[in-house]
Amino acid sequence: MNDFNVRVTEKDDISILYVEGFLDAHTVSAFESSILKLVKDKKYKIVVNMQKLEYISSAGLGVFMGFIEEIREQGGDIKLTNLSDKVFRVFELIGFPTLFDILPDEEEAITKFNAI
């Protein structure tokens, strides 16, 4: 059973997405619509907390690639935090650490946004 859940909270002008479970072809639309809503609402500072993410497929990775350029053009960014070793290895395999800020925790990502 591939359960997936995404919850969005706001901290000042930063949107924090908590993703949980399995992010794959079956659940990717829920994740994509969450990010799309933020972009439509002109919220370009996004932190994705993956503490409870158990699995991510190429479909899930594609969502990040699909939005990052537009978000950066608007002066924002997507920062990734709290990755498990298993999830980090998937990101590392395709070179995400050179494209995205991957930080140990949410507070560090927020601090980095506030330092800009």
PDB file of N, CA and C in Angstrom:
ATOM      1  N   MET A   1       0.850  -1.193   0.000  1.00  0.00           N
ATOM      2  CA  MET A   1       0.000   0.000   0.000  1.00  0.00           C
ATOM      3  C   MET A   1       0.889   1.247   0.000  1.00  0.00           C
ATOM      4  N   ASN A   2       0.718   2.059  -1.010  1.00  0.00           N
ATOM      5  CA  ASN A   2       1.541   3.255  -1.124  1.00  0.00           C
ATOM      6  C   ASN A   2       0.818   4.463  -0.565  1.00  0.00           C
ATOM      7  N   ASP A   3       1.003   4.691   0.704  1.00  0.00           N
ATOM      8  CA  ASP A   3       0.390   5.856   1.323  1.00  0.00           C
ATOM      9  C   ASP A   3       1.320   7.044   1.174  1.00  0.00           C
ATOM     10  N   PHE A   4       0.724   8.195   0.918  1.00  0.00           N
ATOM     11  CA  PHE A   4       1.498   9.415   0.808  1.00  0.00           C
ATOM     12  C   PHE A   4       0.657  10.544   1.378  1.00  0.00           C
ATOM     13  N   ASN A   5       1.340  11.453   2.062  1.00  0.00           N
ATOM     14  CA  ASN A   5       0.653  12.584   2.640  1.00  0.00           C
ATOM     15  C   ASN A   5       1.559  13.800   2.525  1.00  0.00           C
ATOM     16  N   VAL A   6       0.976  14.943   2.222  1.00  0.00           N
ATOM     17  CA  VAL A   6       1.749  16.185   2.201  1.00  0.00           C
ATOM     18  C   VAL A   6       0.952  17.232   2.963  1.00  0.00           C
ATOM     19  N   ARG A   7       1.656  17.923   3.858  1.00  0.00           N
ATOM     20  CA  ARG A   7       1.034  18.946   4.694  1.00  0.00           C
ATOM     21  C   ARG A   7       1.862  20.207   4.544  1.00  0.00           C
ATOM     22  N   VAL A   8       1.196  21.339   4.426  1.00  0.00           N
ATOM     23  CA  VAL A   8       1.902  22.611   4.215  1.00  0.00           C
ATOM     24  C   VAL A   8       1.662  23.527   5.409  1.00  0.00           C
ATOM     25  N   THR A   9       2.745  24.094   5.917  1.00  0.00           N
ATOM     26  CA  THR A   9       2.619  25.125   6.948  1.00  0.00           C
ATOM     27  C   THR A   9       3.412  26.342   6.484  1.00  0.00           C
ATOM     28  N   GLU A  10       3.166  27.462   7.115  1.00  0.00           N
ATOM     29  CA  GLU A  10       3.866  28.704   6.762  1.00  0.00           C
ATOM     30  C   GLU A  10       4.645  29.191   7.976  1.00  0.00           C
ATOM     31  N   LYS A  11       5.852  29.663   7.707  1.00  0.00           N
ATOM     32  CA  LYS A  11       6.616  30.321   8.763  1.00  0.00           C
ATOM     33  C   LYS A  11       7.150  31.607   8.155  1.00  0.00           C
ATOM     34  N   ASP A  12       6.576  32.723   8.566  1.00  0.00           N
ATOM     35  CA  ASP A  12       6.851  34.017   7.938  1.00  0.00           C
ATOM     36  C   ASP A  12       6.529  33.910   6.450  1.00  0.00           C
ATOM     37  N   ASP A  13       7.522  34.165   5.576  1.00  0.00           N
ATOM     38  CA  ASP A  13       7.243  34.089   4.136  1.00  0.00           C
ATOM     39  C   ASP A  13       7.761  32.775   3.537  1.00  0.00           C
ATOM     40  N   ILE A  14       7.984  31.785   4.386  1.00  0.00           N
ATOM     41  CA  ILE A  14       8.513  30.501   3.930  1.00  0.00           C
ATOM     42  C   ILE A  14       7.430  29.431   4.065  1.00  0.00           C
ATOM     43  N   SER A  15       7.250  28.666   3.009  1.00  0.00           N
ATOM     44  CA  SER A  15       6.293  27.556   3.028  1.00  0.00           C
ATOM     45  C   SER A  15       7.051  26.270   3.308  1.00  0.00           C
ATOM     46  N   ILE A  16       6.542  25.489   4.244  1.00  0.00           N
ATOM     47  CA  ILE A  16       7.202  24.229   4.594  1.00  0.00           C
ATOM     48  C   ILE A  16       6.265  23.084   4.240  1.00  0.00           C
ATOM     49  N   LEU A  17       6.753  22.189   3.400  1.00  0.00           N
ATOM     50  CA  LEU A  17       5.984  21.011   3.014  1.00  0.00           C
ATOM     51  C   LEU A  17       6.523  19.819   3.780  1.00  0.00           C
ATOM     52  N   TYR A  18       5.642  19.126   4.462  1.00  0.00           N
ATOM     53  CA  TYR A  18       6.017  17.892   5.155  1.00  0.00           C
ATOM     54  C   TYR A  18       5.514  16.737   4.303  1.00  0.00           C
ATOM     55  N   VAL A  19       6.436  15.980   3.750  1.00  0.00           N
ATOM     56  CA  VAL A  19       6.034  14.851   2.912  1.00  0.00           C
ATOM     57  C   VAL A  19       6.268  13.558   3.682  1.00  0.00           C
ATOM     58  N   GLU A  20       5.350  12.629   3.494  1.00  0.00           N
ATOM     59  CA  GLU A  20       5.341  11.438   4.316  1.00  0.00           C
ATOM     60  C   GLU A  20       4.929  10.241   3.468  1.00  0.00           C
ATOM     61  N   GLY A  21       5.665   9.143   3.601  1.00  0.00           N
ATOM     62  CA  GLY A  21       5.278   7.906   2.933  1.00  0.00           C
ATOM     63  C   GLY A  21       6.040   7.662   1.648  1.00  0.00           C
ATOM     64  N   PHE A  22       5.301   7.289   0.608  1.00  0.00           N
ATOM     65  CA  PHE A  22       5.898   6.901  -0.665  1.00  0.00           C
ATOM     66  C   PHE A  22       5.520   7.902  -1.744  1.00  0.00           C
ATOM     67  N   LEU A  23       6.532   8.560  -2.311  1.00  0.00           N
ATOM     68  CA  LEU A  23       6.301   9.517  -3.395  1.00  0.00           C
ATOM     69  C   LEU A  23       6.683   8.823  -4.693  1.00  0.00           C
ATOM     70  N   ASP A  24       5.670   8.396  -5.451  1.00  0.00           N
ATOM     71  CA  ASP A  24       5.931   7.678  -6.695  1.00  0.00           C
ATOM     72  C   ASP A  24       4.882   8.074  -7.734  1.00  0.00           C
ATOM     73  N   ALA A  25       4.834   7.343  -8.830  1.00  0.00           N
ATOM     74  CA  ALA A  25       3.928   7.691  -9.933  1.00  0.00           C
ATOM     75  C   ALA A  25       2.471   7.760  -9.487  1.00  0.00           C
ATOM     76  N   HIS A  26       2.104   6.974  -8.480  1.00  0.00           N
ATOM     77  CA  HIS A  26       0.708   6.940  -8.030  1.00  0.00           C
ATOM     78  C   HIS A  26       0.359   8.124  -7.130  1.00  0.00           C
ATOM     79  N   THR A  27       1.358   8.681  -6.459  1.00  0.00           N
ATOM     80  CA  THR A  27       1.075   9.729  -5.473  1.00  0.00           C
ATOM     81  C   THR A  27       1.636  11.092  -5.879  1.00  0.00           C
ATOM     82  N   VAL A  28       2.363  11.128  -7.001  1.00  0.00           N
ATOM     83  CA  VAL A  28       3.080  12.345  -7.376  1.00  0.00           C
ATOM     84  C   VAL A  28       2.141  13.526  -7.636  1.00  0.00           C
ATOM     85  N   SER A  29       0.918  13.277  -8.101  1.00  0.00           N
ATOM     86  CA  SER A  29       0.020  14.394  -8.416  1.00  0.00           C
ATOM     87  C   SER A  29      -0.341  15.201  -7.172  1.00  0.00           C
ATOM     88  N   ALA A  30      -0.451  14.540  -6.018  1.00  0.00           N
ATOM     89  CA  ALA A  30      -0.757  15.262  -4.769  1.00  0.00           C
ATOM     90  C   ALA A  30       0.386  16.200  -4.410  1.00  0.00           C
ATOM     91  N   PHE A  31       1.607  15.729  -4.592  1.00  0.00           N
ATOM     92  CA  PHE A  31       2.781  16.546  -4.292  1.00  0.00           C
ATOM     93  C   PHE A  31       2.887  17.702  -5.284  1.00  0.00           C
ATOM     94  N   GLU A  32       2.702  17.366  -6.556  1.00  0.00           N
ATOM     95  CA  GLU A  32       2.803  18.378  -7.601  1.00  0.00           C
ATOM     96  C   GLU A  32       1.775  19.485  -7.399  1.00  0.00           C
ATOM     97  N   SER A  33       0.540  19.119  -7.050  1.00  0.00           N
ATOM     98  CA  SER A  33      -0.492  20.147  -6.865  1.00  0.00           C
ATOM     99  C   SER A  33      -0.192  21.027  -5.649  1.00  0.00           C
ATOM    100  N   SER A  34       0.460  20.476  -4.630  1.00  0.00           N
ATOM    101  CA  SER A  34       0.851  21.295  -3.470  1.00  0.00           C
ATOM    102  C   SER A  34       1.858  22.369  -3.872  1.00  0.00           C
ATOM    103  N   ILE A  35       2.837  21.985  -4.671  1.00  0.00           N
ATOM    104  CA  ILE A  35       3.847  22.967  -5.102  1.00  0.00           C
ATOM    105  C   ILE A  35       3.224  23.952  -6.094  1.00  0.00           C
ATOM    106  N   LEU A  36       2.389  23.448  -6.982  1.00  0.00           N
ATOM    107  CA  LEU A  36       1.728  24.313  -7.955  1.00  0.00           C
ATOM    108  C   LEU A  36       0.905  25.394  -7.259  1.00  0.00           C
ATOM    109  N   LYS A  37       0.207  25.017  -6.197  1.00  0.00           N
ATOM    110  CA  LYS A  37      -0.596  25.983  -5.444  1.00  0.00           C
ATOM    111  C   LYS A  37       0.299  27.073  -4.838  1.00  0.00           C
ATOM    112  N   LEU A  38       1.454  26.678  -4.293  1.00  0.00           N
ATOM    113  CA  LEU A  38       2.377  27.664  -3.727  1.00  0.00           C
ATOM    114  C   LEU A  38       2.849  28.631  -4.807  1.00  0.00           C
ATOM    115  N   VAL A  39       3.207  28.105  -5.972  1.00  0.00           N
ATOM    116  CA  VAL A  39       3.685  28.949  -7.070  1.00  0.00           C
ATOM    117  C   VAL A  39       2.570  29.906  -7.520  1.00  0.00           C
ATOM    118  N   LYS A  40       1.354  29.386  -7.632  1.00  0.00           N
ATOM    119  CA  LYS A  40       0.225  30.241  -8.022  1.00  0.00           C
ATOM    120  C   LYS A  40      -0.015  31.340  -6.999  1.00  0.00           C
ATOM    121  N   ASP A  41       0.226  31.018  -5.725  1.00  0.00           N
ATOM    122  CA  ASP A  41       0.061  32.003  -4.653  1.00  0.00           C
ATOM    123  C   ASP A  41       1.307  32.875  -4.472  1.00  0.00           C
ATOM    124  N   LYS A  42       2.253  32.745  -5.405  1.00  0.00           N
ATOM    125  CA  LYS A  42       3.509  33.510  -5.395  1.00  0.00           C
ATOM    126  C   LYS A  42       4.341  33.274  -4.134  1.00  0.00           C
ATOM    127  N   LYS A  43       4.325  32.030  -3.673  1.00  0.00           N
ATOM    128  CA  LYS A  43       5.146  31.645  -2.520  1.00  0.00           C
ATOM    129  C   LYS A  43       6.313  30.833  -3.060  1.00  0.00           C
ATOM    130  N   TYR A  44       7.454  31.496  -3.149  1.00  0.00           N
ATOM    131  CA  TYR A  44       8.594  30.888  -3.838  1.00  0.00           C
ATOM    132  C   TYR A  44       9.696  30.405  -2.900  1.00  0.00           C
ATOM    133  N   LYS A  45       9.529  30.652  -1.623  1.00  0.00           N
ATOM    134  CA  LYS A  45      10.518  30.135  -0.661  1.00  0.00           C
ATOM    135  C   LYS A  45       9.934  28.862  -0.075  1.00  0.00           C
ATOM    136  N   ILE A  46      10.473  27.729  -0.509  1.00  0.00           N
ATOM    137  CA  ILE A  46       9.877  26.447  -0.158  1.00  0.00           C
ATOM    138  C   ILE A  46      10.908  25.537   0.504  1.00  0.00           C
ATOM    139  N   VAL A  47      10.519  24.995   1.632  1.00  0.00           N
ATOM    140  CA  VAL A  47      11.329  23.984   2.321  1.00  0.00           C
ATOM    141  C   VAL A  47      10.536  22.685   2.256  1.00  0.00           C
ATOM    142  N   VAL A  48      11.180  21.611   1.821  1.00  0.00           N
ATOM    143  CA  VAL A  48      10.514  20.308   1.800  1.00  0.00           C
ATOM    144  C   VAL A  48      11.167  19.436   2.865  1.00  0.00           C
ATOM    145  N   ASN A  49      10.421  19.180   3.940  1.00  0.00           N
ATOM    146  CA  ASN A  49      10.915  18.358   5.043  1.00  0.00           C
ATOM    147  C   ASN A  49      10.565  16.902   4.726  1.00  0.00           C
ATOM    148  N   MET A  50      11.599  16.084   4.569  1.00  0.00           N
ATOM    149  CA  MET A  50      11.407  14.691   4.147  1.00  0.00           C
ATOM    150  C   MET A  50      11.657  13.692   5.262  1.00  0.00           C
ATOM    151  N   GLN A  51      11.537  14.144   6.494  1.00  0.00           N
ATOM    152  CA  GLN A  51      11.816  13.276   7.635  1.00  0.00           C
ATOM    153  C   GLN A  51      11.028  11.969   7.580  1.00  0.00           C
ATOM    154  N   LYS A  52       9.771  12.037   7.117  1.00  0.00           N
ATOM    155  CA  LYS A  52       8.923  10.836   7.106  1.00  0.00           C
ATOM    156  C   LYS A  52       8.729  10.264   5.707  1.00  0.00           C
ATOM    157  N   LEU A  53       9.554  10.745   4.753  1.00  0.00           N
ATOM    158  CA  LEU A  53       9.475  10.200   3.394  1.00  0.00           C
ATOM    159  C   LEU A  53      10.243   8.886   3.359  1.00  0.00           C
ATOM    160  N   GLU A  54       9.563   7.824   2.974  1.00  0.00           N
ATOM    161  CA  GLU A  54      10.196   6.512   2.964  1.00  0.00           C
ATOM    162  C   GLU A  54      10.771   6.144   1.608  1.00  0.00           C
ATOM    163  N   TYR A  55      10.195   6.722   0.549  1.00  0.00           N
ATOM    164  CA  TYR A  55      10.614   6.335  -0.793  1.00  0.00           C
ATOM    165  C   TYR A  55      10.288   7.461  -1.756  1.00  0.00           C
ATOM    166  N   ILE A  56      11.178   7.677  -2.736  1.00  0.00           N
ATOM    167  CA  ILE A  56      10.890   8.634  -3.806  1.00  0.00           C
ATOM    168  C   ILE A  56      11.310   8.001  -5.126  1.00  0.00           C
ATOM    169  N   SER A  57      10.441   8.095  -6.121  1.00  0.00           N
ATOM    170  CA  SER A  57      10.739   7.539  -7.444  1.00  0.00           C
ATOM    171  C   SER A  57      11.154   8.668  -8.382  1.00  0.00           C
ATOM    172  N   SER A  58      11.492   8.313  -9.607  1.00  0.00           N
ATOM    173  CA  SER A  58      11.880   9.323 -10.587  1.00  0.00           C
ATOM    174  C   SER A  58      10.726  10.294 -10.853  1.00  0.00           C
ATOM    175  N   ALA A  59       9.491   9.820 -10.726  1.00  0.00           N
ATOM    176  CA  ALA A  59       8.335  10.718 -10.905  1.00  0.00           C
ATOM    177  C   ALA A  59       8.354  11.821  -9.852  1.00  0.00           C
ATOM    178  N   GLY A  60       8.672  11.449  -8.615  1.00  0.00           N
ATOM    179  CA  GLY A  60       8.763  12.427  -7.539  1.00  0.00           C
ATOM    180  C   GLY A  60       9.903  13.404  -7.766  1.00  0.00           C
ATOM    181  N   LEU A  61      11.036  12.886  -8.212  1.00  0.00           N
ATOM    182  CA  LEU A  61      12.181  13.742  -8.488  1.00  0.00           C
ATOM    183  C   LEU A  61      11.866  14.722  -9.612  1.00  0.00           C
ATOM    184  N   GLY A  62      11.076  14.255 -10.567  1.00  0.00           N
ATOM    185  CA  GLY A  62      10.716  15.098 -11.703  1.00  0.00           C
ATOM    186  C   GLY A  62       9.948  16.344 -11.302  1.00  0.00           C
ATOM    187  N   VAL A  63       9.174  16.250 -10.235  1.00  0.00           N
ATOM    188  CA  VAL A  63       8.413  17.414  -9.762  1.00  0.00           C
ATOM    189  C   VAL A  63       9.378  18.530  -9.364  1.00  0.00           C
ATOM    190  N   PHE A  64      10.439  18.172  -8.644  1.00  0.00           N
ATOM    191  CA  PHE A  64      11.426  19.187  -8.245  1.00  0.00           C
ATOM    192  C   PHE A  64      12.032  19.854  -9.478  1.00  0.00           C
ATOM    193  N   MET A  65      12.405  19.028 -10.452  1.00  0.00           N
ATOM    194  CA  MET A  65      13.026  19.566 -11.655  1.00  0.00           C
ATOM    195  C   MET A  65      12.033  20.424 -12.447  1.00  0.00           C
ATOM    196  N   GLY A  66      10.767  20.038 -12.411  1.00  0.00           N
ATOM    197  CA  GLY A  66       9.754  20.766 -13.157  1.00  0.00           C
ATOM    198  C   GLY A  66       9.492  22.172 -12.634  1.00  0.00           C
ATOM    199  N   PHE A  67       9.741  22.391 -11.353  1.00  0.00           N
ATOM    200  CA  PHE A  67       9.401  23.687 -10.749  1.00  0.00           C
ATOM    201  C   PHE A  67      10.603  24.564 -10.421  1.00  0.00           C
ATOM    202  N   ILE A  68      11.779  23.967 -10.262  1.00  0.00           N
ATOM    203  CA  ILE A  68      12.896  24.724  -9.689  1.00  0.00           C
ATOM    204  C   ILE A  68      13.287  25.954 -10.519  1.00  0.00           C
ATOM    205  N   GLU A  69      13.265  25.822 -11.829  1.00  0.00           N
ATOM    206  CA  GLU A  69      13.692  26.949 -12.667  1.00  0.00           C
ATOM    207  C   GLU A  69      12.752  28.141 -12.489  1.00  0.00           C
ATOM    208  N   GLU A  70      11.461  27.879 -12.569  1.00  0.00           N
ATOM    209  CA  GLU A  70      10.471  28.950 -12.419  1.00  0.00           C
ATOM    210  C   GLU A  70      10.572  29.607 -11.042  1.00  0.00           C
ATOM    211  N   ILE A  71      10.746  28.782 -10.009  1.00  0.00           N
ATOM    212  CA  ILE A  71      10.836  29.303  -8.648  1.00  0.00           C
ATOM    213  C   ILE A  71      12.087  30.167  -8.475  1.00  0.00           C
ATOM    214  N   ARG A  72      13.195  29.709  -9.028  1.00  0.00           N
ATOM    215  CA  ARG A  72      14.433  30.504  -8.924  1.00  0.00           C
ATOM    216  C   ARG A  72      14.352  31.788  -9.739  1.00  0.00           C
ATOM    217  N   GLU A  73      13.660  31.744 -10.872  1.00  0.00           N
ATOM    218  CA  GLU A  73      13.476  32.967 -11.670  1.00  0.00           C
ATOM    219  C   GLU A  73      12.706  34.014 -10.883  1.00  0.00           C
ATOM    220  N   GLN A  74      11.889  33.577  -9.945  1.00  0.00           N
ATOM    221  CA  GLN A  74      11.106  34.486  -9.106  1.00  0.00           C
ATOM    222  C   GLN A  74      11.849  34.859  -7.821  1.00  0.00           C
ATOM    223  N   GLY A  75      13.116  34.483  -7.732  1.00  0.00           N
ATOM    224  CA  GLY A  75      13.921  34.832  -6.562  1.00  0.00           C
ATOM    225  C   GLY A  75      13.769  33.871  -5.399  1.00  0.00           C
ATOM    226  N   GLY A  76      13.121  32.752  -5.632  1.00  0.00           N
ATOM    227  CA  GLY A  76      12.924  31.778  -4.563  1.00  0.00           C
ATOM    228  C   GLY A  76      13.831  30.565  -4.713  1.00  0.00           C
ATOM    229  N   ASP A  77      13.511  29.525  -3.960  1.00  0.00           N
ATOM    230  CA  ASP A  77      14.287  28.294  -4.023  1.00  0.00           C
ATOM    231  C   ASP A  77      13.486  27.177  -3.353  1.00  0.00           C
ATOM    232  N   ILE A  78      13.898  25.951  -3.640  1.00  0.00           N
ATOM    233  CA  ILE A  78      13.367  24.788  -2.929  1.00  0.00           C
ATOM    234  C   ILE A  78      14.540  24.204  -2.161  1.00  0.00           C
ATOM    235  N   LYS A  79      14.420  24.155  -0.854  1.00  0.00           N
ATOM    236  CA  LYS A  79      15.470  23.561  -0.017  1.00  0.00           C
ATOM    237  C   LYS A  79      14.924  22.263   0.568  1.00  0.00           C
ATOM    238  N   LEU A  80      15.770  21.250   0.589  1.00  0.00           N
ATOM    239  CA  LEU A  80      15.360  19.926   1.038  1.00  0.00           C
ATOM    240  C   LEU A  80      15.996  19.642   2.394  1.00  0.00           C
ATOM    241  N   THR A  81      15.202  19.130   3.330  1.00  0.00           N
ATOM    242  CA  THR A  81      15.746  18.868   4.667  1.00  0.00           C
ATOM    243  C   THR A  81      15.326  17.496   5.175  1.00  0.00           C
ATOM    244  N   ASN A  82      16.055  17.048   6.189  1.00  0.00           N
ATOM    245  CA  ASN A  82      15.715  15.843   6.961  1.00  0.00           C
ATOM    246  C   ASN A  82      15.602  14.584   6.092  1.00  0.00           C
ATOM    247  N   LEU A  83      16.491  14.444   5.110  1.00  0.00           N
ATOM    248  CA  LEU A  83      16.444  13.258   4.256  1.00  0.00           C
ATOM    249  C   LEU A  83      17.007  12.051   4.990  1.00  0.00           C
ATOM    250  N   SER A  84      16.339  10.914   4.859  1.00  0.00           N
ATOM    251  CA  SER A  84      16.906   9.669   5.385  1.00  0.00           C
ATOM    252  C   SER A  84      18.075   9.287   4.483  1.00  0.00           C
ATOM    253  N   ASP A  85      18.944   8.420   4.951  1.00  0.00           N
ATOM    254  CA  ASP A  85      20.083   7.987   4.130  1.00  0.00           C
ATOM    255  C   ASP A  85      19.603   7.379   2.824  1.00  0.00           C
ATOM    256  N   LYS A  86      18.535   6.599   2.909  1.00  0.00           N
ATOM    257  CA  LYS A  86      18.000   5.919   1.730  1.00  0.00           C
ATOM    258  C   LYS A  86      17.522   6.932   0.680  1.00  0.00           C
ATOM    259  N   VAL A  87      16.770   7.928   1.121  1.00  0.00           N
ATOM    260  CA  VAL A  87      16.263   8.947   0.200  1.00  0.00           C
ATOM    261  C   VAL A  87      17.413   9.809  -0.309  1.00  0.00           C
ATOM    262  N   PHE A  88      18.351  10.150   0.569  1.00  0.00           N
ATOM    263  CA  PHE A  88      19.493  10.966   0.145  1.00  0.00           C
ATOM    264  C   PHE A  88      20.280  10.272  -0.955  1.00  0.00           C
ATOM    265  N   ARG A  89      20.467   8.960  -0.830  1.00  0.00           N
ATOM    266  CA  ARG A  89      21.228   8.216  -1.849  1.00  0.00           C
ATOM    267  C   ARG A  89      20.575   8.325  -3.218  1.00  0.00           C
ATOM    268  N   VAL A  90      19.243   8.329  -3.267  1.00  0.00           N
ATOM    269  CA  VAL A  90      18.540   8.485  -4.541  1.00  0.00           C
ATOM    270  C   VAL A  90      18.847   9.867  -5.129  1.00  0.00           C
ATOM    271  N   PHE A  91      18.781  10.893  -4.303  1.00  0.00           N
ATOM    272  CA  PHE A  91      19.078  12.252  -4.753  1.00  0.00           C
ATOM    273  C   PHE A  91      20.536  12.361  -5.206  1.00  0.00           C
ATOM    274  N   GLU A  92      21.414  11.744  -4.441  1.00  0.00           N
ATOM    275  CA  GLU A  92      22.845  11.812  -4.731  1.00  0.00           C
ATOM    276  C   GLU A  92      23.163  11.138  -6.066  1.00  0.00           C
ATOM    277  N   LEU A  93      22.498  10.035  -6.318  1.00  0.00           N
ATOM    278  CA  LEU A  93      22.720   9.251  -7.518  1.00  0.00           C
ATOM    279  C   LEU A  93      22.515  10.067  -8.788  1.00  0.00           C
ATOM    280  N   ILE A  94      21.548  10.974  -8.765  1.00  0.00           N
ATOM    281  CA  ILE A  94      21.271  11.753  -9.973  1.00  0.00           C
ATOM    282  C   ILE A  94      21.788  13.193  -9.874  1.00  0.00           C
ATOM    283  N   GLY A  95      22.647  13.447  -8.910  1.00  0.00           N
ATOM    284  CA  GLY A  95      23.326  14.735  -8.855  1.00  0.00           C
ATOM    285  C   GLY A  95      22.545  15.871  -8.222  1.00  0.00           C
ATOM    286  N   PHE A  96      21.489  15.564  -7.469  1.00  0.00           N
ATOM    287  CA  PHE A  96      20.704  16.633  -6.840  1.00  0.00           C
ATOM    288  C   PHE A  96      21.502  17.503  -5.869  1.00  0.00           C
ATOM    289  N   PRO A  97      22.459  16.937  -5.130  1.00  0.00           N
ATOM    290  CA  PRO A  97      23.183  17.814  -4.193  1.00  0.00           C
ATOM    291  C   PRO A  97      23.893  18.988  -4.861  1.00  0.00           C
ATOM    292  N   THR A  98      24.170  18.906  -6.162  1.00  0.00           N
ATOM    293  CA  THR A  98      24.778  20.054  -6.833  1.00  0.00           C
ATOM    294  C   THR A  98      23.713  21.045  -7.315  1.00  0.00           C
ATOM    295  N   LEU A  99      22.475  20.603  -7.417  1.00  0.00           N
ATOM    296  CA  LEU A  99      21.397  21.454  -7.922  1.00  0.00           C
ATOM    297  C   LEU A  99      20.558  22.074  -6.819  1.00  0.00           C
ATOM    298  N   PHE A 100      20.458  21.371  -5.703  1.00  0.00           N
ATOM    299  CA  PHE A 100      19.572  21.795  -4.619  1.00  0.00           C
ATOM    300  C   PHE A 100      20.342  21.910  -3.312  1.00  0.00           C
ATOM    301  N   ASP A 101      19.863  22.818  -2.450  1.00  0.00           N
ATOM    302  CA  ASP A 101      20.373  22.878  -1.078  1.00  0.00           C
ATOM    303  C   ASP A 101      19.762  21.721  -0.311  1.00  0.00           C
ATOM    304  N   ILE A 102      20.595  20.808   0.165  1.00  0.00           N
ATOM    305  CA  ILE A 102      20.111  19.712   1.000  1.00  0.00           C
ATOM    306  C   ILE A 102      20.702  19.937   2.385  1.00  0.00           C
ATOM    307  N   LEU A 103      19.820  20.192   3.346  1.00  0.00           N
ATOM    308  CA  LEU A 103      20.254  20.602   4.680  1.00  0.00           C
ATOM    309  C   LEU A 103      19.786  19.595   5.727  1.00  0.00           C
ATOM    310  N   PRO A 104      20.504  19.518   6.853  1.00  0.00           N
ATOM    311  CA  PRO A 104      20.160  18.537   7.881  1.00  0.00           C
ATOM    312  C   PRO A 104      18.774  18.742   8.482  1.00  0.00           C
ATOM    313  N   ASP A 105      18.370  19.995   8.658  1.00  0.00           N
ATOM    314  CA  ASP A 105      17.064  20.219   9.281  1.00  0.00           C
ATOM    315  C   ASP A 105      16.407  21.500   8.791  1.00  0.00           C
ATOM    316  N   GLU A 106      15.137  21.582   9.108  1.00  0.00           N
ATOM    317  CA  GLU A 106      14.273  22.678   8.683  1.00  0.00           C
ATOM    318  C   GLU A 106      14.778  24.044   9.162  1.00  0.00           C
ATOM    319  N   GLU A 107      15.236  24.098  10.411  1.00  0.00           N
ATOM    320  CA  GLU A 107      15.688  25.374  10.978  1.00  0.00           C
ATOM    321  C   GLU A 107      16.847  25.949  10.159  1.00  0.00           C
ATOM    322  N   GLU A 108      17.741  25.058   9.740  1.00  0.00           N
ATOM    323  CA  GLU A 108      18.892  25.515   8.957  1.00  0.00           C
ATOM    324  C   GLU A 108      18.439  26.083   7.612  1.00  0.00           C
ATOM    325  N   ALA A 109      17.438  25.445   6.999  1.00  0.00           N
ATOM    326  CA  ALA A 109      16.915  25.917   5.716  1.00  0.00           C
ATOM    327  C   ALA A 109      16.264  27.291   5.888  1.00  0.00           C
ATOM    328  N   ILE A 110      15.511  27.457   6.961  1.00  0.00           N
ATOM    329  CA  ILE A 110      14.846  28.737   7.228  1.00  0.00           C
ATOM    330  C   ILE A 110      15.893  29.829   7.471  1.00  0.00           C
ATOM    331  N   THR A 111      16.912  29.498   8.243  1.00  0.00           N
ATOM    332  CA  THR A 111      18.000  30.449   8.497  1.00  0.00           C
ATOM    333  C   THR A 111      18.655  30.874   7.189  1.00  0.00           C
ATOM    334  N   LYS A 112      18.870  29.914   6.295  1.00  0.00           N
ATOM    335  CA  LYS A 112      19.511  30.204   5.025  1.00  0.00           C
ATOM    336  C   LYS A 112      18.631  31.122   4.174  1.00  0.00           C
ATOM    337  N   PHE A 113      17.328  30.888   4.170  1.00  0.00           N
ATOM    338  CA  PHE A 113      16.421  31.780   3.437  1.00  0.00           C
ATOM    339  C   PHE A 113      16.461  33.186   4.028  1.00  0.00           C
ATOM    340  N   ASN A 114      16.456  33.271   5.345  1.00  0.00           N
ATOM    341  CA  ASN A 114      16.430  34.574   6.006  1.00  0.00           C
ATOM    342  C   ASN A 114      17.743  35.339   5.842  1.00  0.00           C
ATOM    343  N   ALA A 115      18.803  34.636   5.500  1.00  0.00           N
ATOM    344  CA  ALA A 115      20.105  35.285   5.333  1.00  0.00           C
ATOM    345  C   ALA A 115      20.221  35.974   3.975  1.00  0.00           C
ATOM    346  N   ILE A 116      19.300  35.674   3.083  1.00  0.00           N
ATOM    347  CA  ILE A 116      19.380  36.235   1.722  1.00  0.00           C
ATOM    348  C   ILE A 116      19.020  37.712   1.748  1.00  0.00           C
TER     349      ILE A 116
END
